Each structure stands twice: as C-alpha cells, then as structure tokens.
C-alpha atoms as a PDB file:
ATOM      1  CA  MET A   1       0.251   0.029   0.041  1.00  0.00           C
ATOM      2  CA  SER A   2       1.082   3.643  -0.497  1.00  0.00           C
ATOM      3  CA  THR A   3       0.146   5.832   1.663  1.00  0.00           C
ATOM      4  CA  GLY A   4      -0.062   9.539   0.264  1.00  0.00           C
ATOM      5  CA  GLU A   5      -1.443  12.991   1.129  1.00  0.00           C
ATOM      6  CA  LEU A   6      -4.056  12.657  -0.402  1.00  0.00           C
ATOM      7  CA  LEU A   7      -5.170   8.757  -1.628  1.00  0.00           C
ATOM      8  CA  ASN A   8      -4.146   5.297  -0.150  1.00  0.00           C
ATOM      9  CA  VAL A   9      -3.475   3.100  -3.009  1.00  0.00           C
ATOM     10  CA  ASP A  10      -3.723  -0.664  -2.759  1.00  0.00           C
ATOM     11  CA  PRO A  11      -1.812  -2.397  -4.046  1.00  0.00           C
ATOM     12  CA  VAL A  12       1.887  -0.587  -5.555  1.00  0.00           C
ATOM     13  CA  GLU A  13       2.534  -3.968  -7.392  1.00  0.00           C
ATOM     14  CA  LEU A  14      -0.358  -4.886 -10.184  1.00  0.00           C
ATOM     15  CA  LYS A  15       0.016  -9.016 -10.803  1.00  0.00           C
ATOM     16  CA  PHE A  16      -0.764 -10.553 -13.650  1.00  0.00           C
ATOM     17  CA  PRO A  17      -1.127 -14.480 -13.881  1.00  0.00           C
ATOM     18  CA  PHE A  18       0.593 -14.539 -16.900  1.00  0.00           C
ATOM     19  CA  GLU A  19      -1.081 -16.841 -19.637  1.00  0.00           C
ATOM     20  CA  LEU A  20      -0.537 -16.757 -23.244  1.00  0.00           C
ATOM     21  CA  LYS A  21      -3.145 -15.393 -25.803  1.00  0.00           C
ATOM     22  CA  LYS A  22      -5.683 -14.828 -22.378  1.00  0.00           C
ATOM     23  CA  GLN A  23      -6.630 -11.591 -21.302  1.00  0.00           C
ATOM     24  CA  ILE A  24      -5.809 -10.752 -18.016  1.00  0.00           C
ATOM     25  CA  SER A  25      -6.947  -8.430 -15.087  1.00  0.00           C
ATOM     26  CA  CYS A  26      -5.980  -7.472 -11.761  1.00  0.00           C
ATOM     27  CA  SER A  27      -7.911  -4.366  -9.092  1.00  0.00           C
ATOM     28  CA  LEU A  28      -6.595  -1.398  -7.747  1.00  0.00           C
ATOM     29  CA  GLN A  29      -8.781   0.134  -4.480  1.00  0.00           C
ATOM     30  CA  LEU A  30      -8.133   4.112  -4.115  1.00  0.00           C
ATOM     31  CA  SER A  31      -9.233   5.709  -0.710  1.00  0.00           C
ATOM     32  CA  ASN A  32      -9.240   9.545   0.001  1.00  0.00           C
ATOM     33  CA  LYS A  33      -8.023  10.285   3.428  1.00  0.00           C
ATOM     34  CA  THR A  34      -9.281  13.813   3.041  1.00  0.00           C
ATOM     35  CA  GLU A  35     -12.280  16.015   3.597  1.00  0.00           C
ATOM     36  CA  ASN A  36     -11.952  16.994   0.076  1.00  0.00           C
ATOM     37  CA  HIS A  37     -12.732  15.773  -3.427  1.00  0.00           C
ATOM     38  CA  VAL A  38      -9.891  14.308  -5.064  1.00  0.00           C
ATOM     39  CA  ALA A  39      -9.634  13.472  -8.689  1.00  0.00           C
ATOM     40  CA  PHE A  40      -6.874  11.179 -10.162  1.00  0.00           C
ATOM     41  CA  LYS A  41      -5.607   9.797 -13.739  1.00  0.00           C
ATOM     42  CA  VAL A  42      -4.180   6.897 -14.171  1.00  0.00           C
ATOM     43  CA  LYS A  43      -0.944   6.510 -17.553  1.00  0.00           C
ATOM     44  CA  THR A  44       0.562   4.176 -18.215  1.00  0.00           C
ATOM     45  CA  THR A  45       4.421   3.419 -20.646  1.00  0.00           C
ATOM     46  CA  ASN A  46       2.494   0.917 -22.808  1.00  0.00           C
ATOM     47  CA  PRO A  47      -1.189   2.213 -23.677  1.00  0.00           C
ATOM     48  CA  LYS A  48      -1.907  -0.209 -26.293  1.00  0.00           C
ATOM     49  CA  LYS A  49      -1.046  -3.332 -24.086  1.00  0.00           C
ATOM     50  CA  TYR A  50      -3.306  -2.613 -20.982  1.00  0.00           C
ATOM     51  CA  CYS A  51      -6.683  -1.004 -20.464  1.00  0.00           C
ATOM     52  CA  VAL A  52      -7.632   0.974 -17.507  1.00  0.00           C
ATOM     53  CA  ARG A  53     -11.710   1.525 -16.027  1.00  0.00           C
ATOM     54  CA  PRO A  54     -11.713   4.246 -15.396  1.00  0.00           C
ATOM     55  CA  ASN A  55      -8.665   5.271 -16.435  1.00  0.00           C
ATOM     56  CA  THR A  56      -9.893   9.577 -14.566  1.00  0.00           C
ATOM     57  CA  GLY A  57     -12.744   9.595 -12.086  1.00  0.00           C
ATOM     58  CA  VAL A  58     -13.646  11.280  -8.809  1.00  0.00           C
ATOM     59  CA  VAL A  59     -12.837   9.909  -5.224  1.00  0.00           C
ATOM     60  CA  LEU A  60     -15.260  11.406  -2.809  1.00  0.00           C
ATOM     61  CA  PRO A  61     -14.007  12.620   0.799  1.00  0.00           C
ATOM     62  CA  ARG A  62     -13.508   9.208   3.055  1.00  0.00           C
ATOM     63  CA  SER A  63     -14.895   7.038   0.043  1.00  0.00           C
ATOM     64  CA  THR A  64     -13.029   4.540  -2.425  1.00  0.00           C
ATOM     65  CA  CYS A  65     -12.848   3.868  -5.878  1.00  0.00           C
ATOM     66  CA  ASP A  66     -11.708   0.236  -7.561  1.00  0.00           C
ATOM     67  CA  ILE A  67      -9.877   0.657 -10.946  1.00  0.00           C
ATOM     68  CA  ILE A  68      -9.898  -2.564 -13.519  1.00  0.00           C
ATOM     69  CA  VAL A  69      -6.491  -2.938 -15.090  1.00  0.00           C
ATOM     70  CA  THR A  70      -6.875  -5.487 -18.303  1.00  0.00           C
ATOM     71  CA  MET A  71      -3.948  -6.768 -20.041  1.00  0.00           C
ATOM     72  CA  GLN A  72      -4.896  -7.703 -23.453  1.00  0.00           C
ATOM     73  CA  ALA A  73      -3.701 -11.081 -24.392  1.00  0.00           C
ATOM     74  CA  GLN A  74      -0.472 -11.666 -25.411  1.00  0.00           C
ATOM     75  CA  LYS A  75       1.128 -13.911 -28.058  1.00  0.00           C
ATOM     76  CA  GLU A  76       4.325 -14.745 -26.632  1.00  0.00           C
ATOM     77  CA  ALA A  77       5.795 -14.508 -22.964  1.00  0.00           C
ATOM     78  CA  PRO A  78       8.433 -12.147 -22.699  1.00  0.00           C
ATOM     79  CA  PRO A  79      12.511 -13.120 -21.697  1.00  0.00           C
ATOM     80  CA  ASP A  80      12.479 -14.416 -17.821  1.00  0.00           C
ATOM     81  CA  MET A  81       8.817 -13.248 -17.403  1.00  0.00           C
ATOM     82  CA  GLN A  82       9.989  -9.935 -16.443  1.00  0.00           C
ATOM     83  CA  CYS A  83       8.021  -6.635 -17.544  1.00  0.00           C
ATOM     84  CA  ARG A  84       8.999  -3.584 -17.439  1.00  0.00           C
ATOM     85  CA  ASP A  85       5.772  -1.437 -17.796  1.00  0.00           C
ATOM     86  CA  LYS A  86       5.061   0.975 -15.349  1.00  0.00           C
ATOM     87  CA  PHE A  87       1.931   2.765 -14.512  1.00  0.00           C
ATOM     88  CA  LEU A  88       1.419   6.489 -12.922  1.00  0.00           C
ATOM     89  CA  LEU A  89      -1.382   7.399 -10.808  1.00  0.00           C
ATOM     90  CA  GLN A  90      -1.523  11.401 -10.593  1.00  0.00           C
ATOM     91  CA  SER A  91      -3.799  12.690  -8.191  1.00  0.00           C
ATOM     92  CA  VAL A  92      -5.185  16.194  -7.321  1.00  0.00           C
ATOM     93  CA  VAL A  93      -7.664  18.078  -4.822  1.00  0.00           C
ATOM     94  CA  ALA A  94     -10.441  19.055  -6.843  1.00  0.00           C
ATOM     95  CA  SER A  95     -13.366  21.173  -6.582  1.00  0.00           C
ATOM     96  CA  PRO A  96     -16.409  20.143  -4.742  1.00  0.00           C
ATOM     97  CA  GLY A  97     -19.309  18.769  -7.084  1.00  0.00           C
ATOM     98  CA  ILE A  98     -16.570  18.417  -9.771  1.00  0.00           C
ATOM     99  CA  ALA A  99     -17.632  15.264 -12.316  1.00  0.00           C
ATOM    100  CA  PRO A 100     -15.906  12.893 -14.332  1.00  0.00           C
ATOM    101  CA  LYS A 101     -16.569  14.595 -17.258  1.00  0.00           C
ATOM    102  CA  ASP A 102     -15.572  17.579 -15.906  1.00  0.00           C
ATOM    103  CA  ILE A 103     -11.632  16.572 -15.784  1.00  0.00           C
ATOM    104  CA  THR A 104      -9.165  17.852 -17.686  1.00  0.00           C
ATOM    105  CA  PRO A 105      -5.206  16.999 -19.083  1.00  0.00           C
ATOM    106  CA  GLU A 106      -4.429  20.492 -17.464  1.00  0.00           C
ATOM    107  CA  MET A 107      -5.472  19.676 -13.855  1.00  0.00           C
ATOM    108  CA  PHE A 108      -2.400  17.246 -13.447  1.00  0.00           C
ATOM    109  CA  THR A 109       0.009  19.994 -14.540  1.00  0.00           C
ATOM    110  CA  LYS A 110       2.412  20.852 -12.093  1.00  0.00           C
ATOM    111  CA  THR A 111       2.197  25.081 -11.058  1.00  0.00           C
ATOM    112  CA  PRO A 112       2.606  26.638  -8.462  1.00  0.00           C
ATOM    113  CA  GLY A 113       0.417  26.475  -5.582  1.00  0.00           C
ATOM    114  CA  ARG A 114      -1.063  23.152  -6.781  1.00  0.00           C
ATOM    115  CA  VAL A 115       0.008  20.188  -5.712  1.00  0.00           C
ATOM    116  CA  VAL A 116       0.096  17.169  -7.926  1.00  0.00           C
ATOM    117  CA  GLU A 117       0.820  13.561  -6.187  1.00  0.00           C
ATOM    118  CA  GLU A 118       1.799  10.946  -8.023  1.00  0.00           C
ATOM    119  CA  CYS A 119       1.910   6.916  -7.077  1.00  0.00           C
ATOM    120  CA  LYS A 120       4.169   4.750  -9.230  1.00  0.00           C
ATOM    121  CA  LEU A 121       3.030   1.001  -9.780  1.00  0.00           C
ATOM    122  CA  LYS A 122       4.873  -1.907 -11.270  1.00  0.00           C
ATOM    123  CA  VAL A 123       3.927  -4.782 -13.130  1.00  0.00           C
ATOM    124  CA  LEU A 124       4.701  -8.213 -12.208  1.00  0.00           C
ATOM    125  CA  TYR A 125       4.197 -11.656 -13.877  1.00  0.00           C
ATOM    126  CA  LEU A 126       2.975 -14.935 -11.995  1.00  0.00           C
ATOM    127  CA  PRO A 127       2.630 -18.198 -13.037  1.00  0.00           C
ATOM    128  CA  PRO A 128      -0.295 -19.451 -14.023  1.00  0.00           C
ATOM    129  CA  PRO A 129      -2.272 -20.662 -11.170  1.00  0.00           C
ATOM    130  CA  GLN A 130      -2.110 -25.171 -11.016  1.00  0.00           C
ATOM    131  CA  PRO A 131      -5.231 -27.514 -10.814  1.00  0.00           C
ATOM    132  CA  PRO A 132      -5.952 -28.554  -7.757  1.00  0.00           C
ATOM    133  CA  SER A 133      -4.537 -31.987  -6.687  1.00  0.00           C
ATOM    134  CA  PRO A 134      -6.962 -34.997  -6.669  1.00  0.00           C
ATOM    135  CA  VAL A 135      -8.511 -36.236  -3.350  1.00  0.00           C
ATOM    136  CA  LEU A 136      -7.158 -39.077  -2.625  1.00  0.00           C
ATOM    137  CA  GLU A 137      -9.390 -42.001  -0.763  1.00  0.00           C
ATOM    138  CA  GLU A 138      -8.964 -41.954   2.631  1.00  0.00           C
ATOM    139  CA  PRO A 139      -8.204 -45.967   3.957  1.00  0.00           C
ATOM    140  CA  ASP A 140     -11.080 -47.932   6.363  1.00  0.00           C
ATOM    141  CA  GLU A 141     -11.015 -46.295   9.718  1.00  0.00           C
ATOM    142  CA  GLY A 142      -9.126 -48.690  11.986  1.00  0.00           C
ATOM    143  CA  VAL A 143      -7.322 -50.676   9.163  1.00  0.00           C
ATOM    144  CA  SER A 144      -3.706 -50.644   8.238  1.00  0.00           C
ATOM    145  CA  PRO A 145      -3.132 -51.767   5.372  1.00  0.00           C
ATOM    146  CA  LYS A 146      -0.333 -53.531   4.366  1.00  0.00           C
ATOM    147  CA  VAL A 147       1.286 -54.817   0.853  1.00  0.00           C
ATOM    148  CA  SER A 148       3.921 -57.681   0.007  1.00  0.00           C
ATOM    149  CA  PHE A 149       4.691 -58.457  -3.411  1.00  0.00           C
ATOM    150  CA  ASP A 150       7.783 -60.019  -5.274  1.00  0.00           C
ATOM    151  CA  SER A 151       8.685 -59.890  -8.556  1.00  0.00           C
ATOM    152  CA  GLY A 152       7.198 -63.090  -9.778  1.00  0.00           C
ATOM    153  CA  ASN A 153       3.459 -63.397  -7.427  1.00  0.00           C
ATOM    154  CA  LEU A 154       3.437 -60.874  -4.839  1.00  0.00           C
ATOM    155  CA  ASN A 155       3.916 -62.793  -1.930  1.00  0.00           C
ATOM    156  CA  GLY A 156       7.379 -61.675  -1.011  1.00  0.00           C
ATOM    157  CA  SER A 157       8.636 -59.403   2.107  1.00  0.00           C
ATOM    158  CA  GLU A 158       6.101 -57.046   3.621  1.00  0.00           C
ATOM    159  CA  VAL A 159       6.447 -53.529   2.828  1.00  0.00           C
ATOM    160  CA  GLY A 160       4.400 -50.636   4.667  1.00  0.00           C
ATOM    161  CA  PHE A 161       1.415 -48.668   3.433  1.00  0.00           C
ATOM    162  CA  ASP A 162       3.146 -45.631   4.191  1.00  0.00           C
ATOM    163  CA  SER A 163       6.160 -46.257   1.950  1.00  0.00           C
ATOM    164  CA  LEU A 164       3.866 -46.658  -0.779  1.00  0.00           C
ATOM    165  CA  ASP A 165       1.428 -43.816  -2.347  1.00  0.00           C
ATOM    166  CA  PHE A 166      -2.181 -44.477  -2.847  1.00  0.00           C
ATOM    167  CA  PRO A 167      -2.370 -45.081  -6.840  1.00  0.00           C
ATOM    168  CA  ALA A 168       0.524 -47.989  -6.302  1.00  0.00           C
ATOM    169  CA  TYR A 169      -1.104 -49.820  -3.480  1.00  0.00           C
ATOM    170  CA  ASN A 170      -4.289 -49.630  -5.954  1.00  0.00           C
ATOM    171  CA  TYR A 171      -2.275 -51.017  -8.382  1.00  0.00           C
ATOM    172  CA  ILE A 172      -0.708 -53.615  -6.171  1.00  0.00           C
ATOM    173  CA  ARG A 173      -3.940 -54.414  -4.501  1.00  0.00           C
ATOM    174  CA  HIS A 174      -5.830 -55.087  -8.148  1.00  0.00           C
ATOM    175  CA  ALA A 175      -2.191 -57.136  -9.666  1.00  0.00           C
ATOM    176  CA  ARG A 176      -2.728 -59.795  -6.557  1.00  0.00           C
ATOM    177  CA  SER A 177      -6.881 -59.928  -7.055  1.00  0.00           C
ATOM    178  CA  LEU A 178      -5.909 -61.137 -10.512  1.00  0.00           C
ATOM    179  CA  ILE A 179      -3.390 -63.578 -10.038  1.00  0.00           C
ATOM    180  CA  SER A 180      -5.458 -64.945  -7.685  1.00  0.00           C
ATOM    181  CA  LYS A 181      -8.385 -64.877 -10.086  1.00  0.00           C
ATOM    182  CA  LEU A 182      -5.723 -66.607 -12.590  1.00  0.00           C
ATOM    183  CA  THR A 183      -4.381 -69.380  -9.841  1.00  0.00           C
ATOM    184  CA  ASP A 184      -8.090 -70.429  -9.385  1.00  0.00           C
ATOM    185  CA  GLU A 185      -8.979 -70.629 -12.567  1.00  0.00           C
ATOM    186  CA  LYS A 186      -5.677 -72.753 -13.448  1.00  0.00           C
ATOM    187  CA  ASN A 187      -6.782 -75.204 -11.100  1.00  0.00           C
ATOM    188  CA  ALA A 188     -10.386 -75.855 -12.166  1.00  0.00           C
ATOM    189  CA  ALA A 189      -8.846 -76.679 -15.341  1.00  0.00           C
ATOM    190  CA  ILE A 190      -6.686 -78.877 -13.763  1.00  0.00           C
ATOM    191  CA  GLN A 191      -9.262 -80.748 -11.785  1.00  0.00           C
ATOM    192  CA  GLN A 192     -11.375 -80.872 -15.013  1.00  0.00           C
ATOM    193  CA  ASN A 193      -8.536 -81.903 -17.111  1.00  0.00           C
ATOM    194  CA  ASN A 194      -8.403 -84.954 -14.254  1.00  0.00           C
ATOM    195  CA  LYS A 195     -11.810 -85.746 -14.390  1.00  0.00           C
ATOM    196  CA  ILE A 196     -11.403 -86.203 -18.313  1.00  0.00           C
ATOM    197  CA  ARG A 197      -8.576 -88.272 -18.155  1.00  0.00           C
ATOM    198  CA  GLN A 198     -10.338 -90.275 -15.196  1.00  0.00           C
ATOM    199  CA  GLU A 199     -13.539 -90.980 -17.272  1.00  0.00           C
ATOM    200  CA  ILE A 200     -11.745 -92.302 -20.526  1.00  0.00           C
ATOM    201  CA  VAL A 201      -9.271 -94.642 -18.401  1.00  0.00           C
ATOM    202  CA  ARG A 202     -12.529 -96.327 -16.861  1.00  0.00           C
ATOM    203  CA  ARG A 203     -14.288 -96.503 -20.654  1.00  0.00           C
ATOM    204  CA  THR A 204     -11.056 -98.077 -22.467  1.00  0.00           C
ATOM    205  CA  PRO A 205     -11.081-101.874 -21.933  1.00  0.00           C
ATOM    206  CA  GLU A 206      -8.644-103.705 -19.772  1.00  0.00           C
ATOM    207  CA  ALA A 207      -6.992-104.986 -22.382  1.00  0.00           C
ATOM    208  CA  TRP A 208      -5.835-101.532 -23.319  1.00  0.00           C
ATOM    209  CA  ARG A 209      -4.633-101.013 -20.249  1.00  0.00           C
ATOM    210  CA  GLN A 210      -2.681-104.387 -20.168  1.00  0.00           C
ATOM    211  CA  GLN A 211      -1.069-103.396 -23.659  1.00  0.00           C
ATOM    212  CA  LYS A 212       0.083-100.144 -22.467  1.00  0.00           C
ATOM    213  CA  SER A 213       1.532-101.379 -18.780  1.00  0.00           C
ATOM    214  CA  ARG A 214       3.628-103.583 -21.101  1.00  0.00           C
ATOM    215  CA  GLY A 215       4.725-100.596 -23.197  1.00  0.00           C
ATOM    216  CA  ARG A 216       2.159-100.902 -26.126  1.00  0.00           C
ATOM    217  CA  GLY A 217      -0.305 -99.056 -27.385  1.00  0.00           C
ATOM    218  CA  LEU A 218      -3.645-100.078 -28.327  1.00  0.00           C
ATOM    219  CA  ASP A 219      -3.246 -99.130 -32.157  1.00  0.00           C
ATOM    220  CA  HIS A 220      -1.419-102.097 -32.817  1.00  0.00           C
ATOM    221  CA  HIS A 221      -3.833-104.363 -32.531  1.00  0.00           C
ATOM    222  CA  CYS A 222      -6.906-102.369 -33.058  1.00  0.00           C
ATOM    223  CA  HIS A 223      -7.463 -98.908 -33.894  1.00  0.00           C
ATOM    224  CA  CYS A 224     -10.777 -98.088 -33.081  1.00  0.00           C
ATOM    225  CA  TYR A 225      -9.399 -97.555 -29.296  1.00  0.00           C
ATOM    226  CA  ARG A 226      -6.445 -95.335 -30.401  1.00  0.00           C
ATOM    227  CA  VAL A 227      -7.021 -91.517 -28.147  1.00  0.00           C
ATOM    228  CA  ASP A 228      -5.419 -88.411 -29.153  1.00  0.00           C
ATOM    229  CA  TRP A 229      -4.318 -87.136 -25.507  1.00  0.00           C
ATOM    230  CA  SER A 230      -2.952 -84.116 -26.704  1.00  0.00           C
ATOM    231  CA  THR A 231      -6.745 -83.016 -27.639  1.00  0.00           C
ATOM    232  CA  PHE A 232      -8.062 -83.091 -24.014  1.00  0.00           C
ATOM    233  CA  GLY A 233      -4.277 -81.421 -23.089  1.00  0.00           C
ATOM    234  CA  VAL A 234      -2.851 -84.450 -21.329  1.00  0.00           C
ATOM    235  CA  PRO A 235       1.049 -84.611 -22.212  1.00  0.00           C
ATOM    236  CA  LEU A 236       2.053 -88.090 -23.568  1.00  0.00           C
ATOM    237  CA  GLU A 237       3.875 -90.955 -21.639  1.00  0.00           C
ATOM    238  CA  GLU A 238       7.344 -91.731 -22.769  1.00  0.00           C
END
C-alpha cells in the first residue's frame, strides 16, 4: 500500500497471472483520506497493451474507488517473465461537485500553488494457477493396510503402507486380485482335465490297459480305441 497526502493506493504492484492468448485483469483500490474531492488520472508506459477502467475519475471525501486494469492477450511470453511496464497514478484536490467528465489534462500539470500527488506502480507477472490436486481415497478407519510383493507372485516381504502412495497401493491390490483369479481358473482347469482323463481311462477296455502297461499302445491290435491325448491337454507318456 502507498500512503500519500490525498489517496491511499493498494496495491502498488499490479500482479498478472500470465497466460498466453488470454486477457488477464487485476484490481486497484483508491481510498480518499481527506475531506476534499480528489480527482485522479492513470497513465501507463504501454497504453496499447493495457485497458484501465476508469482511467480518470473523482474519489469522494472519505470514500473509495476501484480500478480494473486489464492486460490484452499476449502472443508470446517475455524473457525470464520480467515486465518493464509501469503505471503512474496522479491525484489532485478538485472542486466540490466536480464530475468525471469535467476532468482535464491541465488539472494534473504542476504549477505553483498546485500539489499533484504521484504514485508509481510496477507490473509483475506470476505463474498461471495450478489445477487442484486430486483427492485421495482415505483407507477404512481402524485398518492399517500392508502390501507384500515379489518379482513373481507378490508374496515377498511386507512393505509398509506408508512407503507407497495410494495409486501404487491400488495397483498392487488389483494385481494380487488378478493373480488370485488366474490361479483359481488354472486349478479348476487342472481338475477338469483330470476328470476327463479318468473318464476316458474308465471307459477303455481292460485289454488296452494291459497293453499300455507293457509299453505298447492299443493301436497295435485295433485302431478303434486310439486316443489323441493332446486333444485333452494331457502330455503323452514316454
């Protein structure tokens, strides 16, 4: 804040969260600390780049006035995000009842007996606002989850929950569930294969079993009982 004889100016630095190809605005407040009407005028070193509303006006005694400064959309960022633009706020005691349309440039010309108060304002570029962080799911109350993993089957030494973030924990939990499901399916397939094999053996004549026990297949005598074991996923015995 700048404290003068006539006006308090807040802030004295115009801060713009810089973004390419986007208009950006900031506000400025003037506070009249006197019992007089105070006229003001805002100037800038780069009038094509900024729009000031209002750029001239009157602040009533013991009242305030808000000014909006808008930076036009920029096509490229300045080097090192440094801005050399400056503003100058001039203020002077005005006649009671004066209207903004009655303000002239001559009122801010310094002459003997006329006090023209000046306040210089800097321009700062700020990094653009960052998006909010995602809200992480809280673990169930009273549960202290532990995760264990190994390079092969996630059954290695335990790792404390605090050493992993929530996405990693959820990924490992999903992997363990998937491995458990695949293991159950594998066991079910093995059981089904054994049942099929037992059924085939049960339906095979006793003669085939005797021939097979002596290392000779039944197809030595008859082709009607030849079985292609690979069809059922059973490896052939040597």
